[in-house]
Structure formats: structure tokens, C-alpha cells
């Protein structure tokens, strides 16, 4: 605390570069230089950290270090506890909470509208995600077959459960 009282930021060091904007954060994923990405507890559920995990989790030279609490049923908890590749998991998605965005960069996932069914008072869509998974959405918004969309599932809309 003494450093803070003196006006010194204790986590600043030479070479530290902050990614403030979304574009700056996205650019991190396309640089091959070593880096440390800091985030608060619970952030694995949405936003920029999901993109960093997507681009870096599989890389053997990268380390994901959790120093905060990860709630049960969250991606962070699953990563902390670990799941072997041959472990069966069940993923529950509350499709009423799925959000589609015009700008695919705004979504946690991206995909393409593949099937549209008008049900009288709303549309039922099947969106094929770029991970080759079908995402089903009921919406009042009008989409065209082949539209590229951003897909966001809020943290309270998805659960990963070990079988």
C-alpha cells in the first residue's frame, strides 16, 4: 500500500502495454511474442478473455494461470479442475438466452444462418457456428439465409457438466 500512497502503480513495469480497446485486445491473438494477459475472476464466461482462450489455450507455449475463484458450472472452473480429452461432458445451453448480433465480431462465437422458419409471431433460426455446431434461436428479428452473425450466450445461459 505504501507504493500506492506514493502514487506509484505497483503493477507497472517497463515494456507493459495495455490493450484498452477491443481492436487492441483482438490484435494480441495474432502476435507470436510472449505475453501475459490479466483478467478478473469470472471473465472466462464472456468477452475478450474467451477470444484469448480460443486463440491461445491450445498452444503448448502458453500458460493459463487462474489466481481467483472460479464458480461451479463455469468454463473457468472446468479449466481449473481439468477434464481429460476422453471425458464425456454435457453442455446445457438455454437457447432463449442466445443473442445474435449483426456484427459477427461482437459475438463470442460466429456463424452463418442456415435455416429460417417463420412461426407466426417469431422466427426460428438454425445457425451453424464456425465450430460446426448448430445453435437454435427464436427471434423477432429478420435474418436472411447465409447471413454471417455474432453469437453470444451469456454466462447464465450455458453450463458444462462432467458426466
Protein backbone atom coordinates (compact mmCIF):
# COMPACT_ATOMS: atom_id res chain seq x y z
CA UNK A 1 0.00 0.00 0.00
CA UNK A 2 2.94 2.31 0.60
CA UNK A 3 3.71 2.40 -3.14
CA UNK A 4 0.11 3.35 -3.90
CA UNK A 5 0.20 6.11 -1.29
CA UNK A 6 3.33 7.45 -3.01
CA UNK A 7 1.49 7.49 -6.35
CA UNK A 8 3.42 4.51 -7.73
CA UNK A 9 1.49 1.85 -9.64
CA UNK A 10 2.85 -1.47 -8.26
CA UNK A 11 1.94 -3.50 -11.35
CA UNK A 12 3.52 -1.21 -13.92
CA UNK A 13 6.86 -2.24 -15.38
CA UNK A 14 8.98 -1.34 -18.43
CA UNK A 15 7.53 -2.82 -21.60
CA UNK A 16 4.00 -3.15 -20.21
CA UNK A 17 1.47 -2.43 -22.91
CA UNK A 18 -2.23 -2.16 -22.14
CA UNK A 19 -4.93 -3.24 -24.57
CA UNK A 20 -7.73 -0.79 -23.87
CA UNK A 21 -9.90 -1.08 -26.98
CA UNK A 22 -11.49 -4.20 -28.40
CA UNK A 23 -9.32 -3.94 -31.53
CA UNK A 24 -6.13 -3.71 -29.44
CA UNK A 25 -7.22 -6.77 -27.48
CA UNK A 26 -8.00 -8.76 -30.64
CA UNK A 27 -4.60 -7.88 -32.11
CA UNK A 28 -2.91 -9.68 -29.18
CA UNK A 29 -4.09 -13.01 -30.58
CA UNK A 30 -2.18 -12.53 -33.81
CA UNK A 31 1.20 -11.66 -32.29
CA UNK A 32 3.60 -14.52 -31.64
CA UNK A 33 5.58 -12.69 -28.96
CA UNK A 34 5.27 -13.84 -25.32
CA UNK A 35 2.64 -12.02 -23.31
CA UNK A 36 0.77 -12.00 -20.04
CA UNK A 37 -2.96 -11.43 -20.18
CA UNK A 38 -4.58 -10.37 -16.90
CA UNK A 39 -8.27 -10.53 -16.15
CA UNK A 40 -10.67 -10.65 -13.22
CA UNK A 41 -12.33 -13.77 -11.82
CA UNK A 42 -15.32 -14.98 -13.81
CA UNK A 43 -14.18 -13.44 -17.08
CA UNK A 44 -13.90 -16.79 -18.90
CA UNK A 45 -17.64 -16.63 -19.34
CA UNK A 46 -17.74 -13.84 -21.92
CA UNK A 47 -15.95 -11.08 -23.72
CA UNK A 48 -12.33 -10.68 -24.69
CA UNK A 49 -10.94 -13.43 -22.49
CA UNK A 50 -13.00 -16.03 -24.38
CA UNK A 51 -11.22 -14.92 -27.56
CA UNK A 52 -7.81 -15.14 -25.88
CA UNK A 53 -8.62 -18.65 -24.66
CA UNK A 54 -9.82 -19.67 -28.12
CA UNK A 55 -6.59 -18.48 -29.75
CA UNK A 56 -4.07 -19.47 -27.07
CA UNK A 57 -5.36 -22.27 -24.83
CA UNK A 58 -4.27 -25.00 -27.23
CA UNK A 59 -0.78 -23.57 -27.76
CA UNK A 60 1.85 -25.57 -25.80
CA UNK A 61 3.98 -22.47 -25.18
CA UNK A 62 1.09 -20.68 -23.45
CA UNK A 63 0.10 -20.95 -19.81
CA UNK A 64 -3.31 -20.05 -18.44
CA UNK A 65 -2.94 -19.18 -14.75
CA UNK A 66 -6.01 -18.78 -12.55
CA UNK A 67 -5.44 -16.90 -9.31
CA UNK A 68 -9.07 -16.15 -8.41
CA UNK A 69 -12.19 -18.13 -7.58
CA UNK A 70 -13.99 -19.87 -10.45
CA UNK A 71 -17.66 -20.64 -9.76
CA UNK A 72 -19.10 -24.12 -10.21
CA UNK A 73 -20.59 -24.64 -13.67
CA UNK A 74 -18.36 -22.03 -15.34
CA UNK A 75 -15.75 -22.52 -18.03
CA UNK A 76 -13.10 -21.22 -15.64
CA UNK A 77 -13.94 -23.93 -13.10
CA UNK A 78 -13.85 -26.62 -15.79
CA UNK A 79 -10.41 -25.42 -16.90
CA UNK A 80 -9.10 -25.25 -13.32
CA UNK A 81 -10.36 -28.73 -12.39
CA UNK A 82 -9.30 -30.12 -15.73
CA UNK A 83 -11.06 -32.55 -17.97
CA UNK A 84 -9.26 -35.36 -19.78
CA UNK A 85 -9.76 -35.50 -23.53
CA UNK A 86 -11.73 -38.74 -23.23
CA UNK A 87 -14.07 -37.40 -20.52
CA UNK A 88 -17.69 -37.12 -21.52
CA UNK A 89 -19.25 -33.78 -20.75
CA UNK A 90 -22.73 -32.45 -21.07
CA UNK A 91 -23.18 -28.88 -22.26
CA UNK A 92 -26.50 -27.29 -21.42
CA UNK A 93 -27.48 -24.14 -23.31
CA UNK A 94 -30.58 -22.09 -22.56
CA UNK A 95 -31.42 -21.18 -26.15
CA UNK A 96 -33.84 -18.50 -25.01
CA UNK A 97 -30.80 -16.54 -23.86
CA UNK A 98 -28.82 -16.82 -27.13
CA UNK A 99 -28.22 -13.40 -28.69
CA UNK A 100 -27.45 -12.81 -32.38
CA UNK A 101 -25.54 -9.70 -33.48
CA UNK A 102 -25.28 -8.09 -36.92
CA UNK A 103 -21.54 -7.63 -36.48
CA UNK A 104 -20.02 -11.08 -36.14
CA UNK A 105 -17.00 -9.63 -34.30
CA UNK A 106 -19.32 -8.69 -31.42
CA UNK A 107 -20.18 -12.29 -30.68
CA UNK A 108 -18.32 -14.82 -28.58
CA UNK A 109 -18.92 -17.26 -31.44
CA UNK A 110 -19.58 -16.63 -35.10
CA UNK A 111 -21.74 -18.48 -37.54
CA UNK A 112 -23.97 -18.48 -40.56
CA UNK A 113 -27.78 -18.56 -40.70
CA UNK A 114 -28.66 -21.88 -42.36
CA UNK A 115 -32.38 -22.37 -41.77
CA UNK A 116 -35.25 -19.96 -41.15
CA UNK A 117 -38.76 -20.98 -40.12
CA UNK A 118 -41.48 -18.38 -39.58
CA UNK A 119 -43.74 -19.47 -36.72
CA UNK A 120 -46.46 -16.84 -36.98
CA UNK A 121 -45.18 -14.44 -34.35
CA UNK A 122 -41.41 -15.08 -34.45
CA UNK A 123 -38.67 -16.75 -36.44
CA UNK A 124 -36.92 -19.97 -35.51
CA UNK A 125 -33.34 -19.98 -36.84
CA UNK A 126 -30.68 -22.61 -37.11
CA UNK A 127 -27.23 -21.04 -37.14
CA UNK A 128 -24.22 -23.20 -37.98
CA UNK A 129 -21.36 -21.97 -35.79
CA UNK A 130 -17.81 -21.85 -37.08
CA UNK A 131 -17.19 -24.77 -34.68
CA UNK A 132 -19.68 -26.86 -36.74
CA UNK A 133 -22.34 -26.85 -34.02
CA UNK A 134 -25.96 -25.93 -34.64
CA UNK A 135 -27.28 -23.08 -32.50
CA UNK A 136 -31.05 -22.67 -32.36
CA UNK A 137 -32.53 -19.23 -31.83
CA UNK A 138 -36.07 -17.90 -31.57
CA UNK A 139 -36.17 -14.23 -32.51
CA UNK A 140 -38.40 -11.43 -33.72
CA UNK A 141 -35.56 -10.03 -35.84
CA UNK A 142 -35.47 -10.74 -39.56
CA UNK A 143 -32.38 -12.55 -40.87
CA UNK A 144 -31.55 -13.90 -44.31
CA UNK A 145 -30.25 -17.32 -45.19
CA UNK A 146 -26.45 -17.07 -45.37
CA UNK A 147 -26.14 -14.03 -43.06
CA UNK A 148 -22.90 -14.04 -41.03
CA UNK A 149 -23.73 -13.33 -37.38
CA UNK A 150 -22.12 -12.95 -33.99
CA UNK A 151 -23.46 -15.39 -31.40
CA UNK A 152 -23.36 -14.62 -27.69
CA UNK A 153 -24.52 -16.93 -24.95
CA UNK A 154 -24.45 -15.10 -21.62
CA UNK A 155 -22.74 -16.84 -18.68
CA UNK A 156 -26.03 -17.77 -17.08
CA UNK A 157 -27.14 -19.41 -20.34
CA UNK A 158 -24.51 -22.17 -20.53
CA UNK A 159 -23.27 -24.91 -18.20
CA UNK A 160 -20.58 -27.56 -18.68
CA UNK A 161 -21.11 -30.66 -16.55
CA UNK A 162 -18.82 -33.67 -16.22
CA UNK A 163 -20.73 -36.89 -16.81
